Amino acid sequence: QVQVVESGGGLVEAGGSLRLSCVASGTISGFLIMGWYRQAPGRLRELVAQVQSSGYTNYLDSVKGRFTISRDNNKNTVDLQMNSLKPEDTAVYYCKVAVHRVGIGEFDYWGQGTQVTVSS
């Protein structure tokens, strides 16, 4: 089984910083895309940032220049450094690990979510 464990959420004032961490463990074989999503009350879950094993990254437009995603391919970890936080960043943040096995398909594994609250 694949397990995804998150940490780093909390309460911070606007303009502050938080660093979220995610570790994937278990039997993992294939191409991995690791990323962070978030979901605020009454809103749809949205992609915040993701990174492929090649290092290619993409970000939600509203977090570009403020958030940075990074990964360690050997340890199967992915972090999200969040700077200049705004109240609208308040949400539950989820780590997702997507495993692509050629000729088989893709499998998604999710963390339990960690609350990020930004006060104004």
PDB file of N, CA and C in Angstrom:
ATOM      1  N   GLN A   1       0.833  -1.178   0.000  1.00  0.00           N
ATOM      2  CA  GLN A   1       0.000   0.000   0.000  1.00  0.00           C
ATOM      3  C   GLN A   1       0.880   1.244   0.000  1.00  0.00           C
ATOM      4  N   VAL A   2       0.327   2.331  -0.501  1.00  0.00           N
ATOM      5  CA  VAL A   2       0.999   3.611  -0.520  1.00  0.00           C
ATOM      6  C   VAL A   2       0.351   4.508   0.531  1.00  0.00           C
ATOM      7  N   GLN A   3       1.169   5.081   1.369  1.00  0.00           N
ATOM      8  CA  GLN A   3       0.693   5.996   2.392  1.00  0.00           C
ATOM      9  C   GLN A   3       1.259   7.390   2.147  1.00  0.00           C
ATOM     10  N   VAL A   4       0.428   8.396   2.372  1.00  0.00           N
ATOM     11  CA  VAL A   4       0.821   9.781   2.194  1.00  0.00           C
ATOM     12  C   VAL A   4       0.576  10.499   3.513  1.00  0.00           C
ATOM     13  N   VAL A   5       1.617  11.089   4.062  1.00  0.00           N
ATOM     14  CA  VAL A   5       1.541  11.744   5.358  1.00  0.00           C
ATOM     15  C   VAL A   5       1.963  13.199   5.221  1.00  0.00           C
ATOM     16  N   GLU A   6       1.115  14.108   5.708  1.00  0.00           N
ATOM     17  CA  GLU A   6       1.350  15.544   5.614  1.00  0.00           C
ATOM     18  C   GLU A   6       1.621  16.143   6.986  1.00  0.00           C
ATOM     19  N   SER A   7       2.278  17.291   6.974  1.00  0.00           N
ATOM     20  CA  SER A   7       2.505  18.040   8.195  1.00  0.00           C
ATOM     21  C   SER A   7       2.802  19.493   7.837  1.00  0.00           C
ATOM     22  N   GLY A   8       2.700  20.373   8.823  1.00  0.00           N
ATOM     23  CA  GLY A   8       3.118  21.758   8.641  1.00  0.00           C
ATOM     24  C   GLY A   8       2.029  22.802   8.656  1.00  0.00           C
ATOM     25  N   GLY A   9       0.766  22.396   8.663  1.00  0.00           N
ATOM     26  CA  GLY A   9      -0.314  23.367   8.693  1.00  0.00           C
ATOM     27  C   GLY A   9      -0.383  24.089  10.021  1.00  0.00           C
ATOM     28  N   GLY A  10      -1.133  25.183  10.041  1.00  0.00           N
ATOM     29  CA  GLY A  10      -1.279  25.945  11.262  1.00  0.00           C
ATOM     30  C   GLY A  10      -1.931  27.282  11.030  1.00  0.00           C
ATOM     31  N   LEU A  11      -1.854  28.123  12.052  1.00  0.00           N
ATOM     32  CA  LEU A  11      -2.417  29.468  12.023  1.00  0.00           C
ATOM     33  C   LEU A  11      -1.292  30.477  11.885  1.00  0.00           C
ATOM     34  N   VAL A  12      -1.447  31.405  10.953  1.00  0.00           N
ATOM     35  CA  VAL A  12      -0.429  32.411  10.713  1.00  0.00           C
ATOM     36  C   VAL A  12      -1.092  33.723  10.324  1.00  0.00           C
ATOM     37  N   GLU A  13      -0.441  34.827  10.643  1.00  0.00           N
ATOM     38  CA  GLU A  13      -0.949  36.133  10.256  1.00  0.00           C
ATOM     39  C   GLU A  13      -0.655  36.419   8.791  1.00  0.00           C
ATOM     40  N   ALA A  14      -1.468  37.274   8.195  1.00  0.00           N
ATOM     41  CA  ALA A  14      -1.233  37.676   6.816  1.00  0.00           C
ATOM     42  C   ALA A  14       0.182  38.218   6.649  1.00  0.00           C
ATOM     43  N   GLY A  15       0.826  37.797   5.575  1.00  0.00           N
ATOM     44  CA  GLY A  15       2.199  38.178   5.328  1.00  0.00           C
ATOM     45  C   GLY A  15       3.210  37.193   5.872  1.00  0.00           C
ATOM     46  N   GLY A  16       2.752  36.248   6.661  1.00  0.00           N
ATOM     47  CA  GLY A  16       3.637  35.259   7.246  1.00  0.00           C
ATOM     48  C   GLY A  16       3.913  34.097   6.314  1.00  0.00           C
ATOM     49  N   SER A  17       4.605  33.100   6.852  1.00  0.00           N
ATOM     50  CA  SER A  17       5.030  31.953   6.057  1.00  0.00           C
ATOM     51  C   SER A  17       4.744  30.645   6.767  1.00  0.00           C
ATOM     52  N   LEU A  18       4.526  29.611   5.979  1.00  0.00           N
ATOM     53  CA  LEU A  18       4.402  28.241   6.454  1.00  0.00           C
ATOM     54  C   LEU A  18       5.072  27.318   5.450  1.00  0.00           C
ATOM     55  N   ARG A  19       5.522  26.179   5.942  1.00  0.00           N
ATOM     56  CA  ARG A  19       6.101  25.175   5.060  1.00  0.00           C
ATOM     57  C   ARG A  19       5.385  23.855   5.295  1.00  0.00           C
ATOM     58  N   LEU A  20       4.750  23.351   4.251  1.00  0.00           N
ATOM     59  CA  LEU A  20       4.061  22.075   4.307  1.00  0.00           C
ATOM     60  C   LEU A  20       4.977  20.973   3.795  1.00  0.00           C
ATOM     61  N   SER A  21       4.907  19.814   4.440  1.00  0.00           N
ATOM     62  CA  SER A  21       5.731  18.683   4.040  1.00  0.00           C
ATOM     63  C   SER A  21       4.861  17.463   3.808  1.00  0.00           C
ATOM     64  N   CYS A  22       5.288  16.624   2.888  1.00  0.00           N
ATOM     65  CA  CYS A  22       4.553  15.418   2.541  1.00  0.00           C
ATOM     66  C   CYS A  22       5.537  14.302   2.251  1.00  0.00           C
ATOM     67  N   VAL A  23       5.255  13.130   2.804  1.00  0.00           N
ATOM     68  CA  VAL A  23       6.090  11.957   2.581  1.00  0.00           C
ATOM     69  C   VAL A  23       5.227  10.807   2.072  1.00  0.00           C
ATOM     70  N   ALA A  24       5.616  10.229   0.970  1.00  0.00           N
ATOM     71  CA  ALA A  24       4.944   9.055   0.425  1.00  0.00           C
ATOM     72  C   ALA A  24       5.783   7.823   0.718  1.00  0.00           C
ATOM     73  N   SER A  25       5.138   6.773   1.207  1.00  0.00           N
ATOM     74  CA  SER A  25       5.856   5.554   1.542  1.00  0.00           C
ATOM     75  C   SER A  25       5.067   4.339   1.082  1.00  0.00           C
ATOM     76  N   GLY A  26       5.746   3.205   1.046  1.00  0.00           N
ATOM     77  CA  GLY A  26       5.130   1.972   0.598  1.00  0.00           C
ATOM     78  C   GLY A  26       5.741   1.502  -0.707  1.00  0.00           C
ATOM     79  N   THR A  27       5.030   0.633  -1.378  1.00  0.00           N
ATOM     80  CA  THR A  27       5.495   0.103  -2.655  1.00  0.00           C
ATOM     81  C   THR A  27       5.076   1.042  -3.774  1.00  0.00           C
ATOM     82  N   ILE A  28       6.055   1.764  -4.300  1.00  0.00           N
ATOM     83  CA  ILE A  28       5.799   2.737  -5.355  1.00  0.00           C
ATOM     84  C   ILE A  28       6.681   2.401  -6.547  1.00  0.00           C
ATOM     85  N   SER A  29       6.057   2.176  -7.685  1.00  0.00           N
ATOM     86  CA  SER A  29       6.790   1.868  -8.906  1.00  0.00           C
ATOM     87  C   SER A  29       6.116   2.574 -10.070  1.00  0.00           C
ATOM     88  N   GLY A  30       6.863   3.425 -10.737  1.00  0.00           N
ATOM     89  CA  GLY A  30       6.335   4.141 -11.873  1.00  0.00           C
ATOM     90  C   GLY A  30       6.704   5.610 -11.838  1.00  0.00           C
ATOM     91  N   PHE A  31       6.152   6.350 -12.764  1.00  0.00           N
ATOM     92  CA  PHE A  31       6.391   7.778 -12.876  1.00  0.00           C
ATOM     93  C   PHE A  31       5.511   8.516 -11.873  1.00  0.00           C
ATOM     94  N   LEU A  32       6.123   9.380 -11.072  1.00  0.00           N
ATOM     95  CA  LEU A  32       5.405  10.071 -10.016  1.00  0.00           C
ATOM     96  C   LEU A  32       5.234  11.550 -10.310  1.00  0.00           C
ATOM     97  N   ILE A  33       4.028  12.025 -10.083  1.00  0.00           N
ATOM     98  CA  ILE A  33       3.755  13.450 -10.053  1.00  0.00           C
ATOM     99  C   ILE A  33       3.268  13.765  -8.646  1.00  0.00           C
ATOM    100  N   MET A  34       3.930  14.672  -7.982  1.00  0.00           N
ATOM    101  CA  MET A  34       3.594  15.013  -6.615  1.00  0.00           C
ATOM    102  C   MET A  34       3.132  16.464  -6.564  1.00  0.00           C
ATOM    103  N   GLY A  35       2.101  16.711  -5.781  1.00  0.00           N
ATOM    104  CA  GLY A  35       1.599  18.068  -5.735  1.00  0.00           C
ATOM    105  C   GLY A  35       0.724  18.352  -4.539  1.00  0.00           C
ATOM    106  N   TRP A  36       0.284  19.600  -4.471  1.00  0.00           N
ATOM    107  CA  TRP A  36      -0.564  20.087  -3.402  1.00  0.00           C
ATOM    108  C   TRP A  36      -1.847  20.669  -3.967  1.00  0.00           C
ATOM    109  N   TYR A  37      -2.948  20.314  -3.345  1.00  0.00           N
ATOM    110  CA  TYR A  37      -4.258  20.870  -3.641  1.00  0.00           C
ATOM    111  C   TYR A  37      -4.790  21.549  -2.380  1.00  0.00           C
ATOM    112  N   ARG A  38      -5.826  22.356  -2.551  1.00  0.00           N
ATOM    113  CA  ARG A  38      -6.470  22.957  -1.389  1.00  0.00           C
ATOM    114  C   ARG A  38      -7.966  23.069  -1.626  1.00  0.00           C
ATOM    115  N   GLN A  39      -8.704  23.104  -0.532  1.00  0.00           N
ATOM    116  CA  GLN A  39     -10.143  23.235  -0.603  1.00  0.00           C
ATOM    117  C   GLN A  39     -10.635  24.075   0.562  1.00  0.00           C
ATOM    118  N   ALA A  40     -11.288  25.178   0.238  1.00  0.00           N
ATOM    119  CA  ALA A  40     -11.887  26.050   1.232  1.00  0.00           C
ATOM    120  C   ALA A  40     -13.369  25.717   1.357  1.00  0.00           C
ATOM    121  N   PRO A  41     -13.987  26.043   2.494  1.00  0.00           N
ATOM    122  CA  PRO A  41     -15.412  25.763   2.666  1.00  0.00           C
ATOM    123  C   PRO A  41     -16.261  26.364   1.554  1.00  0.00           C
ATOM    124  N   GLY A  42     -17.135  25.564   0.983  1.00  0.00           N
ATOM    125  CA  GLY A  42     -18.016  26.029  -0.074  1.00  0.00           C
ATOM    126  C   GLY A  42     -17.361  26.172  -1.430  1.00  0.00           C
ATOM    127  N   ARG A  43     -16.122  25.748  -1.543  1.00  0.00           N
ATOM    128  CA  ARG A  43     -15.404  25.858  -2.806  1.00  0.00           C
ATOM    129  C   ARG A  43     -14.900  24.497  -3.266  1.00  0.00           C
ATOM    130  N   LEU A  44     -14.612  24.414  -4.560  1.00  0.00           N
ATOM    131  CA  LEU A  44     -14.078  23.194  -5.130  1.00  0.00           C
ATOM    132  C   LEU A  44     -12.603  23.043  -4.796  1.00  0.00           C
ATOM    133  N   ARG A  45     -12.163  21.801  -4.751  1.00  0.00           N
ATOM    134  CA  ARG A  45     -10.746  21.552  -4.563  1.00  0.00           C
ATOM    135  C   ARG A  45      -9.986  22.011  -5.803  1.00  0.00           C
ATOM    136  N   GLU A  46      -8.878  22.706  -5.589  1.00  0.00           N
ATOM    137  CA  GLU A  46      -8.108  23.240  -6.691  1.00  0.00           C
ATOM    138  C   GLU A  46      -6.632  22.885  -6.558  1.00  0.00           C
ATOM    139  N   LEU A  47      -5.992  22.758  -7.696  1.00  0.00           N
ATOM    140  CA  LEU A  47      -4.560  22.489  -7.724  1.00  0.00           C
ATOM    141  C   LEU A  47      -3.798  23.752  -7.351  1.00  0.00           C
ATOM    142  N   VAL A  48      -2.899  23.629  -6.389  1.00  0.00           N
ATOM    143  CA  VAL A  48      -2.063  24.742  -5.970  1.00  0.00           C
ATOM    144  C   VAL A  48      -0.721  24.698  -6.686  1.00  0.00           C
ATOM    145  N   ALA A  49      -0.074  23.548  -6.653  1.00  0.00           N
ATOM    146  CA  ALA A  49       1.221  23.383  -7.296  1.00  0.00           C
ATOM    147  C   ALA A  49       1.518  21.909  -7.452  1.00  0.00           C
ATOM    148  N   GLN A  50       2.252  21.556  -8.483  1.00  0.00           N
ATOM    149  CA  GLN A  50       2.704  20.185  -8.645  1.00  0.00           C
ATOM    150  C   GLN A  50       4.055  20.161  -9.326  1.00  0.00           C
ATOM    151  N   VAL A  51       4.753  19.051  -9.138  1.00  0.00           N
ATOM    152  CA  VAL A  51       6.079  18.900  -9.710  1.00  0.00           C
ATOM    153  C   VAL A  51       6.255  17.467 -10.199  1.00  0.00           C
ATOM    154  N   GLN A  52       6.779  17.328 -11.414  1.00  0.00           N
ATOM    155  CA  GLN A  52       7.069  16.030 -11.978  1.00  0.00           C
ATOM    156  C   GLN A  52       8.479  15.598 -11.594  1.00  0.00           C
ATOM    157  N   SER A  53       8.788  14.345 -11.845  1.00  0.00           N
ATOM    158  CA  SER A  53      10.113  13.838 -11.512  1.00  0.00           C
ATOM    159  C   SER A  53      11.209  14.546 -12.294  1.00  0.00           C
ATOM    160  N   SER A  54      10.868  15.085 -13.450  1.00  0.00           N
ATOM    161  CA  SER A  54      11.819  15.831 -14.255  1.00  0.00           C
ATOM    162  C   SER A  54      12.161  17.182 -13.651  1.00  0.00           C
ATOM    163  N   GLY A  55      11.355  17.626 -12.705  1.00  0.00           N
ATOM    164  CA  GLY A  55      11.524  18.934 -12.112  1.00  0.00           C
ATOM    165  C   GLY A  55      10.566  19.978 -12.646  1.00  0.00           C
ATOM    166  N   TYR A  56       9.820  19.634 -13.672  1.00  0.00           N
ATOM    167  CA  TYR A  56       8.837  20.561 -14.219  1.00  0.00           C
ATOM    168  C   TYR A  56       7.777  20.877 -13.178  1.00  0.00           C
ATOM    169  N   THR A  57       7.452  22.159 -13.046  1.00  0.00           N
ATOM    170  CA  THR A  57       6.471  22.595 -12.064  1.00  0.00           C
ATOM    171  C   THR A  57       5.397  23.452 -12.708  1.00  0.00           C
ATOM    172  N   ASN A  58       4.247  23.484 -12.068  1.00  0.00           N
ATOM    173  CA  ASN A  58       3.220  24.431 -12.454  1.00  0.00           C
ATOM    174  C   ASN A  58       2.476  24.870 -11.198  1.00  0.00           C
ATOM    175  N   TYR A  59       1.968  26.103 -11.244  1.00  0.00           N
ATOM    176  CA  TYR A  59       1.361  26.717 -10.077  1.00  0.00           C
ATOM    177  C   TYR A  59       0.024  27.350 -10.419  1.00  0.00           C
ATOM    178  N   LEU A  60      -0.836  27.402  -9.429  1.00  0.00           N
ATOM    179  CA  LEU A  60      -2.034  28.208  -9.519  1.00  0.00           C
ATOM    180  C   LEU A  60      -1.609  29.666  -9.692  1.00  0.00           C
ATOM    181  N   ASP A  61      -2.269  30.384 -10.580  1.00  0.00           N
ATOM    182  CA  ASP A  61      -1.862  31.746 -10.885  1.00  0.00           C
ATOM    183  C   ASP A  61      -1.767  32.632  -9.640  1.00  0.00           C
ATOM    184  N   SER A  62      -2.694  32.477  -8.721  1.00  0.00           N
ATOM    185  CA  SER A  62      -2.749  33.353  -7.568  1.00  0.00           C
ATOM    186  C   SER A  62      -1.629  33.118  -6.557  1.00  0.00           C
ATOM    187  N   VAL A  63      -0.875  32.029  -6.696  1.00  0.00           N
ATOM    188  CA  VAL A  63       0.208  31.756  -5.753  1.00  0.00           C
ATOM    189  C   VAL A  63       1.582  31.899  -6.387  1.00  0.00           C
ATOM    190  N   LYS A  64       1.640  32.164  -7.664  1.00  0.00           N
ATOM    191  CA  LYS A  64       2.921  32.314  -8.342  1.00  0.00           C
ATOM    192  C   LYS A  64       3.720  33.458  -7.724  1.00  0.00           C
ATOM    193  N   GLY A  65       4.980  33.191  -7.470  1.00  0.00           N
ATOM    194  CA  GLY A  65       5.838  34.184  -6.850  1.00  0.00           C
ATOM    195  C   GLY A  65       5.799  34.167  -5.343  1.00  0.00           C
ATOM    196  N   ARG A  66       4.827  33.475  -4.755  1.00  0.00           N
ATOM    197  CA  ARG A  66       4.710  33.395  -3.305  1.00  0.00           C
ATOM    198  C   ARG A  66       4.968  31.983  -2.776  1.00  0.00           C
ATOM    199  N   PHE A  67       4.535  30.975  -3.537  1.00  0.00           N
ATOM    200  CA  PHE A  67       4.695  29.580  -3.129  1.00  0.00           C
ATOM    201  C   PHE A  67       5.769  28.909  -3.974  1.00  0.00           C
ATOM    202  N   THR A  68       6.477  27.979  -3.370  1.00  0.00           N
ATOM    203  CA  THR A  68       7.490  27.206  -4.078  1.00  0.00           C
ATOM    204  C   THR A  68       7.353  25.736  -3.720  1.00  0.00           C
ATOM    205  N   ILE A  69       7.248  24.889  -4.737  1.00  0.00           N
ATOM    206  CA  ILE A  69       7.161  23.451  -4.517  1.00  0.00           C
ATOM    207  C   ILE A  69       8.505  22.812  -4.820  1.00  0.00           C
ATOM    208  N   SER A  70       8.874  21.811  -4.039  1.00  0.00           N
ATOM    209  CA  SER A  70      10.128  21.105  -4.242  1.00  0.00           C
ATOM    210  C   SER A  70       9.947  19.642  -3.875  1.00  0.00           C
ATOM    211  N   ARG A  71      10.799  18.786  -4.436  1.00  0.00           N
ATOM    212  CA  ARG A  71      10.686  17.354  -4.158  1.00  0.00           C
ATOM    213  C   ARG A  71      12.052  16.702  -4.088  1.00  0.00           C
ATOM    214  N   ASP A  72      12.080  15.567  -3.425  1.00  0.00           N
ATOM    215  CA  ASP A  72      13.245  14.710  -3.372  1.00  0.00           C
ATOM    216  C   ASP A  72      12.820  13.386  -3.991  1.00  0.00           C
ATOM    217  N   ASN A  73      13.328  13.097  -5.181  1.00  0.00           N
ATOM    218  CA  ASN A  73      12.906  11.896  -5.902  1.00  0.00           C
ATOM    219  C   ASN A  73      13.300  10.609  -5.186  1.00  0.00           C
ATOM    220  N   ASN A  74      14.413  10.630  -4.487  1.00  0.00           N
ATOM    221  CA  ASN A  74      14.873   9.425  -3.798  1.00  0.00           C
ATOM    222  C   ASN A  74      14.059   9.123  -2.547  1.00  0.00           C
ATOM    223  N   LYS A  75      13.630  10.159  -1.861  1.00  0.00           N
ATOM    224  CA  LYS A  75      12.894   9.982  -0.614  1.00  0.00           C
ATOM    225  C   LYS A  75      11.382  10.058  -0.794  1.00  0.00           C
ATOM    226  N   ASN A  76      10.943  10.389  -2.007  1.00  0.00           N
ATOM    227  CA  ASN A  76       9.511  10.537  -2.291  1.00  0.00           C
ATOM    228  C   ASN A  76       8.849  11.529  -1.345  1.00  0.00           C
ATOM    229  N   THR A  77       9.460  12.683  -1.248  1.00  0.00           N
ATOM    230  CA  THR A  77       8.904  13.755  -0.438  1.00  0.00           C
ATOM    231  C   THR A  77       8.645  14.978  -1.306  1.00  0.00           C
ATOM    232  N   VAL A  78       7.694  15.776  -0.892  1.00  0.00           N
ATOM    233  CA  VAL A  78       7.391  17.025  -1.580  1.00  0.00           C
ATOM    234  C   VAL A  78       7.007  18.063  -0.535  1.00  0.00           C
ATOM    235  N   ASP A  79       7.571  19.248  -0.665  1.00  0.00           N
ATOM    236  CA  ASP A  79       7.306  20.337   0.259  1.00  0.00           C
ATOM    237  C   ASP A  79       6.684  21.514  -0.481  1.00  0.00           C
ATOM    238  N   LEU A  80       5.965  22.314   0.261  1.00  0.00           N
ATOM    239  CA  LEU A  80       5.402  23.543  -0.279  1.00  0.00           C
ATOM    240  C   LEU A  80       5.751  24.680   0.663  1.00  0.00           C
ATOM    241  N   GLN A  81       6.637  25.551   0.219  1.00  0.00           N
ATOM    242  CA  GLN A  81       6.991  26.736   0.980  1.00  0.00           C
ATOM    243  C   GLN A  81       6.030  27.853   0.607  1.00  0.00           C
ATOM    244  N   MET A  82       5.315  28.363   1.589  1.00  0.00           N
ATOM    245  CA  MET A  82       4.302  29.383   1.355  1.00  0.00           C
ATOM    246  C   MET A  82       4.727  30.673   2.048  1.00  0.00           C
ATOM    247  N   ASN A  83       4.975  31.697   1.260  1.00  0.00           N
ATOM    248  CA  ASN A  83       5.367  33.001   1.771  1.00  0.00           C
ATOM    249  C   ASN A  83       4.306  34.039   1.430  1.00  0.00           C
ATOM    250  N   SER A  84       4.362  35.159   2.121  1.00  0.00           N
ATOM    251  CA  SER A  84       3.423  36.256   1.881  1.00  0.00           C
ATOM    252  C   SER A  84       1.984  35.765   1.864  1.00  0.00           C
ATOM    253  N   LEU A  85       1.632  34.996   2.861  1.00  0.00           N
ATOM    254  CA  LEU A  85       0.309  34.392   2.908  1.00  0.00           C
ATOM    255  C   LEU A  85      -0.794  35.442   3.042  1.00  0.00           C
ATOM    256  N   LYS A  86      -1.916  35.153   2.418  1.00  0.00           N
ATOM    257  CA  LYS A  86      -3.078  36.021   2.415  1.00  0.00           C
ATOM    258  C   LYS A  86      -4.270  35.283   3.018  1.00  0.00           C
ATOM    259  N   PRO A  87      -5.252  36.019   3.544  1.00  0.00           N
ATOM    260  CA  PRO A  87      -6.436  35.355   4.097  1.00  0.00           C
ATOM    261  C   PRO A  87      -7.120  34.417   3.103  1.00  0.00           C
ATOM    262  N   GLU A  88      -7.098  34.754   1.833  1.00  0.00           N
ATOM    263  CA  GLU A  88      -7.721  33.903   0.829  1.00  0.00           C
ATOM    264  C   GLU A  88      -6.980  32.587   0.603  1.00  0.00           C
ATOM    265  N   ASP A  89      -5.805  32.441   1.194  1.00  0.00           N
ATOM    266  CA  ASP A  89      -5.091  31.169   1.145  1.00  0.00           C
ATOM    267  C   ASP A  89      -5.622  30.175   2.173  1.00  0.00           C
ATOM    268  N   THR A  90      -6.493  30.621   3.048  1.00  0.00           N
ATOM    269  CA  THR A  90      -7.050  29.752   4.073  1.00  0.00           C
ATOM    270  C   THR A  90      -7.812  28.592   3.442  1.00  0.00           C
ATOM    271  N   ALA A  91      -7.441  27.384   3.802  1.00  0.00           N
ATOM    272  CA  ALA A  91      -8.052  26.187   3.231  1.00  0.00           C
ATOM    273  C   ALA A  91      -7.440  24.959   3.881  1.00  0.00           C
ATOM    274  N   VAL A  92      -8.025  23.819   3.581  1.00  0.00           N
ATOM    275  CA  VAL A  92      -7.394  22.549   3.906  1.00  0.00           C
ATOM    276  C   VAL A  92      -6.505  22.174   2.724  1.00  0.00           C
ATOM    277  N   TYR A  93      -5.255  21.917   3.004  1.00  0.00           N
ATOM    278  CA  TYR A  93      -4.295  21.577   1.962  1.00  0.00           C
ATOM    279  C   TYR A  93      -4.051  20.074   1.951  1.00  0.00           C
ATOM    280  N   TYR A  94      -4.091  19.500   0.749  1.00  0.00           N
ATOM    281  CA  TYR A  94      -3.932  18.069   0.569  1.00  0.00           C
ATOM    282  C   TYR A  94      -2.729  17.762  -0.315  1.00  0.00           C
ATOM    283  N   CYS A  95      -1.963  16.793   0.073  1.00  0.00           N
ATOM    284  CA  CYS A  95      -0.876  16.285  -0.755  1.00  0.00           C
ATOM    285  C   CYS A  95      -1.405  15.151  -1.620  1.00  0.00           C
ATOM    286  N   LYS A  96      -1.042  15.165  -2.882  1.00  0.00           N
ATOM    287  CA  LYS A  96      -1.423  14.089  -3.789  1.00  0.00           C
ATOM    288  C   LYS A  96      -0.206  13.519  -4.493  1.00  0.00           C
ATOM    289  N   VAL A  97      -0.143  12.207  -4.522  1.00  0.00           N
ATOM    290  CA  VAL A  97       0.898  11.494  -5.245  1.00  0.00           C
ATOM    291  C   VAL A  97       0.224  10.699  -6.354  1.00  0.00           C
ATOM    292  N   ALA A  98       0.561  11.001  -7.593  1.00  0.00           N
ATOM    293  CA  ALA A  98       0.013  10.300  -8.745  1.00  0.00           C
ATOM    294  C   ALA A  98       1.072   9.368  -9.302  1.00  0.00           C
ATOM    295  N   VAL A  99       0.726   8.091  -9.394  1.00  0.00           N
ATOM    296  CA  VAL A  99       1.634   7.075  -9.904  1.00  0.00           C
ATOM    297  C   VAL A  99       1.170   6.647 -11.284  1.00  0.00           C
ATOM    298  N   HIS A 100       2.028   6.828 -12.265  1.00  0.00           N
ATOM    299  CA  HIS A 100       1.721   6.437 -13.634  1.00  0.00           C
ATOM    300  C   HIS A 100       2.530   5.198 -13.988  1.00  0.00           C
ATOM    301  N   ARG A 101       1.827   4.115 -14.273  1.00  0.00           N
ATOM    302  CA  ARG A 101       2.464   2.883 -14.699  1.00  0.00           C
ATOM    303  C   ARG A 101       2.137   2.652 -16.168  1.00  0.00           C
ATOM    304  N   VAL A 102       3.169   2.611 -16.994  1.00  0.00           N
ATOM    305  CA  VAL A 102       3.001   2.477 -18.435  1.00  0.00           C
ATOM    306  C   VAL A 102       2.256   1.194 -18.768  1.00  0.00           C
ATOM    307  N   GLY A 103       1.230   1.332 -19.573  1.00  0.00           N
ATOM    308  CA  GLY A 103       0.447   0.182 -19.996  1.00  0.00           C
ATOM    309  C   GLY A 103      -0.602  -0.257 -19.001  1.00  0.00           C
ATOM    310  N   ILE A 104      -0.664   0.412 -17.859  1.00  0.00           N
ATOM    311  CA  ILE A 104      -1.618   0.040 -16.818  1.00  0.00           C
ATOM    312  C   ILE A 104      -2.568   1.189 -16.518  1.00  0.00           C
ATOM    313  N   GLY A 105      -2.004   2.334 -16.152  1.00  0.00           N
ATOM    314  CA  GLY A 105      -2.831   3.476 -15.846  1.00  0.00           C
ATOM    315  C   GLY A 105      -2.235   4.332 -14.750  1.00  0.00           C
ATOM    316  N   GLU A 106      -3.034   5.262 -14.265  1.00  0.00           N
ATOM    317  CA  GLU A 106      -2.614   6.169 -13.211  1.00  0.00           C
ATOM    318  C   GLU A 106      -3.388   5.893 -11.931  1.00  0.00           C
ATOM    319  N   PHE A 107      -2.701   6.056 -10.817  1.00  0.00           N
ATOM    320  CA  PHE A 107      -3.295   5.849  -9.508  1.00  0.00           C
ATOM    321  C   PHE A 107      -2.965   7.045  -8.619  1.00  0.00           C
ATOM    322  N   ASP A 108      -3.972   7.576  -7.963  1.00  0.00           N
ATOM    323  CA  ASP A 108      -3.806   8.744  -7.111  1.00  0.00           C
ATOM    324  C   ASP A 108      -3.891   8.353  -5.639  1.00  0.00           C
ATOM    325  N   TYR A 109      -2.984   8.909  -4.861  1.00  0.00           N
ATOM    326  CA  TYR A 109      -2.967   8.687  -3.423  1.00  0.00           C
ATOM    327  C   TYR A 109      -2.964  10.044  -2.724  1.00  0.00           C
ATOM    328  N   TRP A 110      -3.843  10.183  -1.751  1.00  0.00           N
ATOM    329  CA  TRP A 110      -4.045  11.465  -1.076  1.00  0.00           C
ATOM    330  C   TRP A 110      -3.684  11.413   0.392  1.00  0.00           C
ATOM    331  N   GLY A 111      -3.178  12.524   0.880  1.00  0.00           N
ATOM    332  CA  GLY A 111      -2.986  12.681   2.307  1.00  0.00           C
ATOM    333  C   GLY A 111      -4.297  13.031   2.979  1.00  0.00           C
ATOM    334  N   GLN A 112      -4.265  13.120   4.300  1.00  0.00           N
ATOM    335  CA  GLN A 112      -5.479  13.372   5.069  1.00  0.00           C
ATOM    336  C   GLN A 112      -5.896  14.834   5.078  1.00  0.00           C
ATOM    337  N   GLY A 113      -5.008  15.722   4.672  1.00  0.00           N
ATOM    338  CA  GLY A 113      -5.269  17.143   4.673  1.00  0.00           C
ATOM    339  C   GLY A 113      -4.744  17.819   5.924  1.00  0.00           C
ATOM    340  N   THR A 114      -4.271  19.042   5.768  1.00  0.00           N
ATOM    341  CA  THR A 114      -3.799  19.831   6.895  1.00  0.00           C
ATOM    342  C   THR A 114      -4.345  21.246   6.772  1.00  0.00           C
ATOM    343  N   GLN A 115      -4.868  21.765   7.875  1.00  0.00           N
ATOM    344  CA  GLN A 115      -5.524  23.066   7.867  1.00  0.00           C
ATOM    345  C   GLN A 115      -4.512  24.201   7.880  1.00  0.00           C
ATOM    346  N   VAL A 116      -4.699  25.142   6.965  1.00  0.00           N
ATOM    347  CA  VAL A 116      -3.931  26.381   6.942  1.00  0.00           C
ATOM    348  C   VAL A 116      -4.901  27.537   7.119  1.00  0.00           C
ATOM    349  N   THR A 117      -4.692  28.331   8.151  1.00  0.00           N
ATOM    350  CA  THR A 117      -5.549  29.471   8.426  1.00  0.00           C
ATOM    351  C   THR A 117      -4.703  30.737   8.476  1.00  0.00           C
ATOM    352  N   VAL A 118      -5.080  31.716   7.672  1.00  0.00           N
ATOM    353  CA  VAL A 118      -4.350  32.979   7.600  1.00  0.00           C
ATOM    354  C   VAL A 118      -5.268  34.090   8.093  1.00  0.00           C
ATOM    355  N   SER A 119      -4.880  34.750   9.157  1.00  0.00           N
ATOM    356  CA  SER A 119      -5.675  35.824   9.726  1.00  0.00           C
ATOM    357  C   SER A 119      -5.317  37.154   9.078  1.00  0.00           C
ATOM    358  N   SER A 120      -6.289  38.059   9.008  1.00  0.00           N
ATOM    359  CA  SER A 120      -6.075  39.354   8.391  1.00  0.00           C
ATOM    360  C   SER A 120      -5.546  40.366   9.382  1.00  0.00           C
TER     361      SER A 120
END
